[in-house]
Amino acid sequence: MIGRRKKSTLTAEMETVLKKEQAFVLGIKPQDIFGDEFSSEDENILVHGIIDCFFYEDDHIVLIDYK
């Protein structure tokens, strides 16, 4: 698996599809993080940050580094 990822990263760099410094914002239900302790379904936890490096592979994103 490690060799496959290294190959994918190299391929992404060579094809110039490596994405860098992308801001993201994501709303997550508290239940998805903390389980059934939270019953309010109309609230979200806001998660935001910067994805330092990623690329698309087939139908998903390969995340290399984020803060």
N, C-alpha and C. Protein backbone atom coordinates (compact mmCIF):
# COMPACT_ATOMS: atom_id res chain seq x y z
N MET A 1 0.82 -1.20 0.00
CA MET A 1 0.00 0.00 0.00
C MET A 1 0.86 1.26 0.00
N ILE A 2 1.95 1.28 0.75
CA ILE A 2 2.81 2.46 0.80
C ILE A 2 3.40 2.74 -0.58
N GLY A 3 3.88 1.71 -1.25
CA GLY A 3 4.44 1.89 -2.59
C GLY A 3 3.42 2.44 -3.55
N ARG A 4 2.19 2.00 -3.43
CA ARG A 4 1.12 2.50 -4.30
C ARG A 4 0.89 3.98 -4.07
N ARG A 5 0.89 4.43 -2.84
CA ARG A 5 0.69 5.85 -2.54
C ARG A 5 1.86 6.68 -3.04
N LYS A 6 3.07 6.19 -2.88
CA LYS A 6 4.22 6.93 -3.38
C LYS A 6 4.12 7.09 -4.89
N LYS A 7 3.71 6.04 -5.57
CA LYS A 7 3.55 6.10 -7.01
C LYS A 7 2.45 7.09 -7.37
N SER A 8 1.35 7.08 -6.64
CA SER A 8 0.24 8.00 -6.91
C SER A 8 0.68 9.44 -6.71
N THR A 9 1.43 9.72 -5.65
CA THR A 9 1.92 11.07 -5.40
C THR A 9 2.85 11.53 -6.51
N LEU A 10 3.75 10.68 -6.92
CA LEU A 10 4.67 11.02 -8.00
C LEU A 10 3.91 11.27 -9.29
N THR A 11 2.94 10.42 -9.58
CA THR A 11 2.12 10.60 -10.78
C THR A 11 1.39 11.93 -10.73
N ALA A 12 0.83 12.28 -9.58
CA ALA A 12 0.12 13.54 -9.42
C ALA A 12 1.04 14.72 -9.66
N GLU A 13 2.25 14.67 -9.14
CA GLU A 13 3.21 15.75 -9.34
C GLU A 13 3.57 15.88 -10.80
N MET A 14 3.79 14.76 -11.47
CA MET A 14 4.18 14.78 -12.87
C MET A 14 3.05 15.30 -13.76
N GLU A 15 1.83 15.01 -13.40
CA GLU A 15 0.69 15.45 -14.20
C GLU A 15 0.19 16.83 -13.77
N THR A 16 0.87 17.45 -12.85
CA THR A 16 0.53 18.77 -12.30
C THR A 16 -0.93 18.85 -11.84
N VAL A 17 -1.38 17.81 -11.19
CA VAL A 17 -2.73 17.82 -10.61
C VAL A 17 -2.67 17.92 -9.10
N LEU A 18 -1.49 18.09 -8.56
CA LEU A 18 -1.32 18.24 -7.13
C LEU A 18 -1.87 19.60 -6.72
N LYS A 19 -2.82 19.61 -5.81
CA LYS A 19 -3.46 20.85 -5.35
C LYS A 19 -2.83 21.26 -4.03
N LYS A 20 -2.62 22.56 -3.86
CA LYS A 20 -1.97 23.05 -2.64
C LYS A 20 -2.72 24.24 -2.06
N GLU A 21 -2.62 24.37 -0.74
CA GLU A 21 -3.16 25.52 0.00
C GLU A 21 -4.63 25.76 -0.31
N GLN A 22 -5.48 24.76 -0.07
CA GLN A 22 -6.92 24.87 -0.32
C GLN A 22 -7.67 24.98 1.00
N ALA A 23 -8.39 26.07 1.18
CA ALA A 23 -9.21 26.24 2.38
C ALA A 23 -10.40 25.29 2.33
N PHE A 24 -10.85 24.84 3.50
CA PHE A 24 -12.05 24.00 3.56
C PHE A 24 -12.88 24.36 4.79
N VAL A 25 -14.18 24.15 4.65
CA VAL A 25 -15.14 24.32 5.74
C VAL A 25 -16.09 23.14 5.66
N LEU A 26 -16.37 22.54 6.81
CA LEU A 26 -17.19 21.34 6.85
C LEU A 26 -18.10 21.40 8.07
N GLY A 27 -19.39 21.17 7.87
CA GLY A 27 -20.34 21.08 8.98
C GLY A 27 -20.58 19.62 9.32
N ILE A 28 -20.39 19.26 10.59
CA ILE A 28 -20.53 17.87 11.02
C ILE A 28 -21.54 17.81 12.17
N LYS A 29 -22.43 16.84 12.13
CA LYS A 29 -23.38 16.63 13.22
C LYS A 29 -22.60 16.17 14.47
N PRO A 30 -22.93 16.71 15.64
CA PRO A 30 -22.24 16.30 16.87
C PRO A 30 -22.30 14.78 17.11
N GLN A 31 -23.41 14.15 16.70
CA GLN A 31 -23.56 12.71 16.90
C GLN A 31 -22.50 11.92 16.13
N ASP A 32 -22.05 12.46 14.99
CA ASP A 32 -21.04 11.77 14.19
C ASP A 32 -19.67 11.77 14.87
N ILE A 33 -19.47 12.71 15.79
CA ILE A 33 -18.19 12.80 16.50
C ILE A 33 -18.29 12.18 17.90
N PHE A 34 -19.36 12.54 18.61
CA PHE A 34 -19.47 12.17 20.02
C PHE A 34 -20.45 11.05 20.31
N GLY A 35 -21.12 10.55 19.29
CA GLY A 35 -22.10 9.49 19.50
C GLY A 35 -23.44 10.03 19.94
N ASP A 36 -24.19 9.21 20.65
CA ASP A 36 -25.56 9.55 21.02
C ASP A 36 -25.68 10.49 22.22
N GLU A 37 -24.56 11.00 22.73
CA GLU A 37 -24.62 11.92 23.86
C GLU A 37 -25.33 13.22 23.48
N PHE A 38 -25.35 13.54 22.17
CA PHE A 38 -25.99 14.76 21.70
C PHE A 38 -27.22 14.38 20.89
N SER A 39 -28.34 14.97 21.23
CA SER A 39 -29.58 14.60 20.54
C SER A 39 -30.10 15.69 19.61
N SER A 40 -29.48 16.87 19.63
CA SER A 40 -29.95 17.96 18.77
C SER A 40 -29.52 17.72 17.33
N GLU A 41 -30.51 17.52 16.47
CA GLU A 41 -30.19 17.25 15.07
C GLU A 41 -30.12 18.51 14.23
N ASP A 42 -30.45 19.65 14.81
CA ASP A 42 -30.43 20.88 14.02
C ASP A 42 -29.16 21.70 14.23
N GLU A 43 -28.18 21.16 14.94
CA GLU A 43 -26.92 21.86 15.16
C GLU A 43 -25.79 21.14 14.44
N ASN A 44 -24.78 21.91 14.05
CA ASN A 44 -23.58 21.37 13.42
C ASN A 44 -22.35 21.90 14.13
N ILE A 45 -21.28 21.15 14.06
CA ILE A 45 -19.97 21.63 14.50
C ILE A 45 -19.25 22.07 13.24
N LEU A 46 -18.72 23.27 13.25
CA LEU A 46 -18.03 23.81 12.09
C LEU A 46 -16.54 23.48 12.19
N VAL A 47 -16.03 22.80 11.19
CA VAL A 47 -14.60 22.45 11.11
C VAL A 47 -14.03 23.19 9.92
N HIS A 48 -12.92 23.90 10.12
CA HIS A 48 -12.30 24.62 9.01
C HIS A 48 -10.80 24.55 9.12
N GLY A 49 -10.13 24.74 8.02
CA GLY A 49 -8.67 24.71 8.01
C GLY A 49 -8.13 24.88 6.61
N ILE A 50 -6.89 24.50 6.44
CA ILE A 50 -6.21 24.59 5.15
C ILE A 50 -5.67 23.20 4.80
N ILE A 51 -6.02 22.73 3.62
CA ILE A 51 -5.42 21.49 3.12
C ILE A 51 -4.14 21.89 2.40
N ASP A 52 -3.01 21.47 2.94
CA ASP A 52 -1.72 21.87 2.36
C ASP A 52 -1.47 21.20 1.02
N CYS A 53 -1.89 19.93 0.90
CA CYS A 53 -1.56 19.20 -0.32
C CYS A 53 -2.52 18.03 -0.50
N PHE A 54 -3.13 17.91 -1.71
CA PHE A 54 -4.01 16.80 -2.03
C PHE A 54 -4.10 16.63 -3.54
N PHE A 55 -4.66 15.51 -3.95
CA PHE A 55 -4.97 15.31 -5.36
C PHE A 55 -6.14 14.36 -5.49
N TYR A 56 -6.77 14.40 -6.65
CA TYR A 56 -7.90 13.52 -6.94
C TYR A 56 -7.37 12.23 -7.54
N GLU A 57 -7.92 11.10 -7.09
CA GLU A 57 -7.56 9.80 -7.65
C GLU A 57 -8.86 9.02 -7.83
N ASP A 58 -9.16 8.70 -9.07
CA ASP A 58 -10.41 8.03 -9.41
C ASP A 58 -11.58 8.86 -8.86
N ASP A 59 -12.34 8.32 -7.94
CA ASP A 59 -13.53 9.03 -7.45
C ASP A 59 -13.37 9.52 -6.00
N HIS A 60 -12.12 9.72 -5.56
CA HIS A 60 -11.91 10.21 -4.20
C HIS A 60 -10.70 11.15 -4.14
N ILE A 61 -10.53 11.75 -2.98
CA ILE A 61 -9.41 12.68 -2.75
C ILE A 61 -8.36 11.97 -1.92
N VAL A 62 -7.10 12.12 -2.32
CA VAL A 62 -5.98 11.63 -1.52
C VAL A 62 -5.42 12.84 -0.78
N LEU A 63 -5.60 12.85 0.53
CA LEU A 63 -5.17 13.95 1.38
C LEU A 63 -3.76 13.68 1.86
N ILE A 64 -2.85 14.61 1.58
CA ILE A 64 -1.46 14.41 1.95
C ILE A 64 -1.12 15.16 3.24
N ASP A 65 -1.62 16.38 3.39
CA ASP A 65 -1.30 17.16 4.59
C ASP A 65 -2.36 18.24 4.78
N TYR A 66 -2.76 18.45 6.04
CA TYR A 66 -3.70 19.52 6.35
C TYR A 66 -3.41 20.06 7.74
N LYS A 67 -3.94 21.27 8.02
CA LYS A 67 -3.81 21.88 9.35
C LYS A 67 -5.19 22.32 9.79
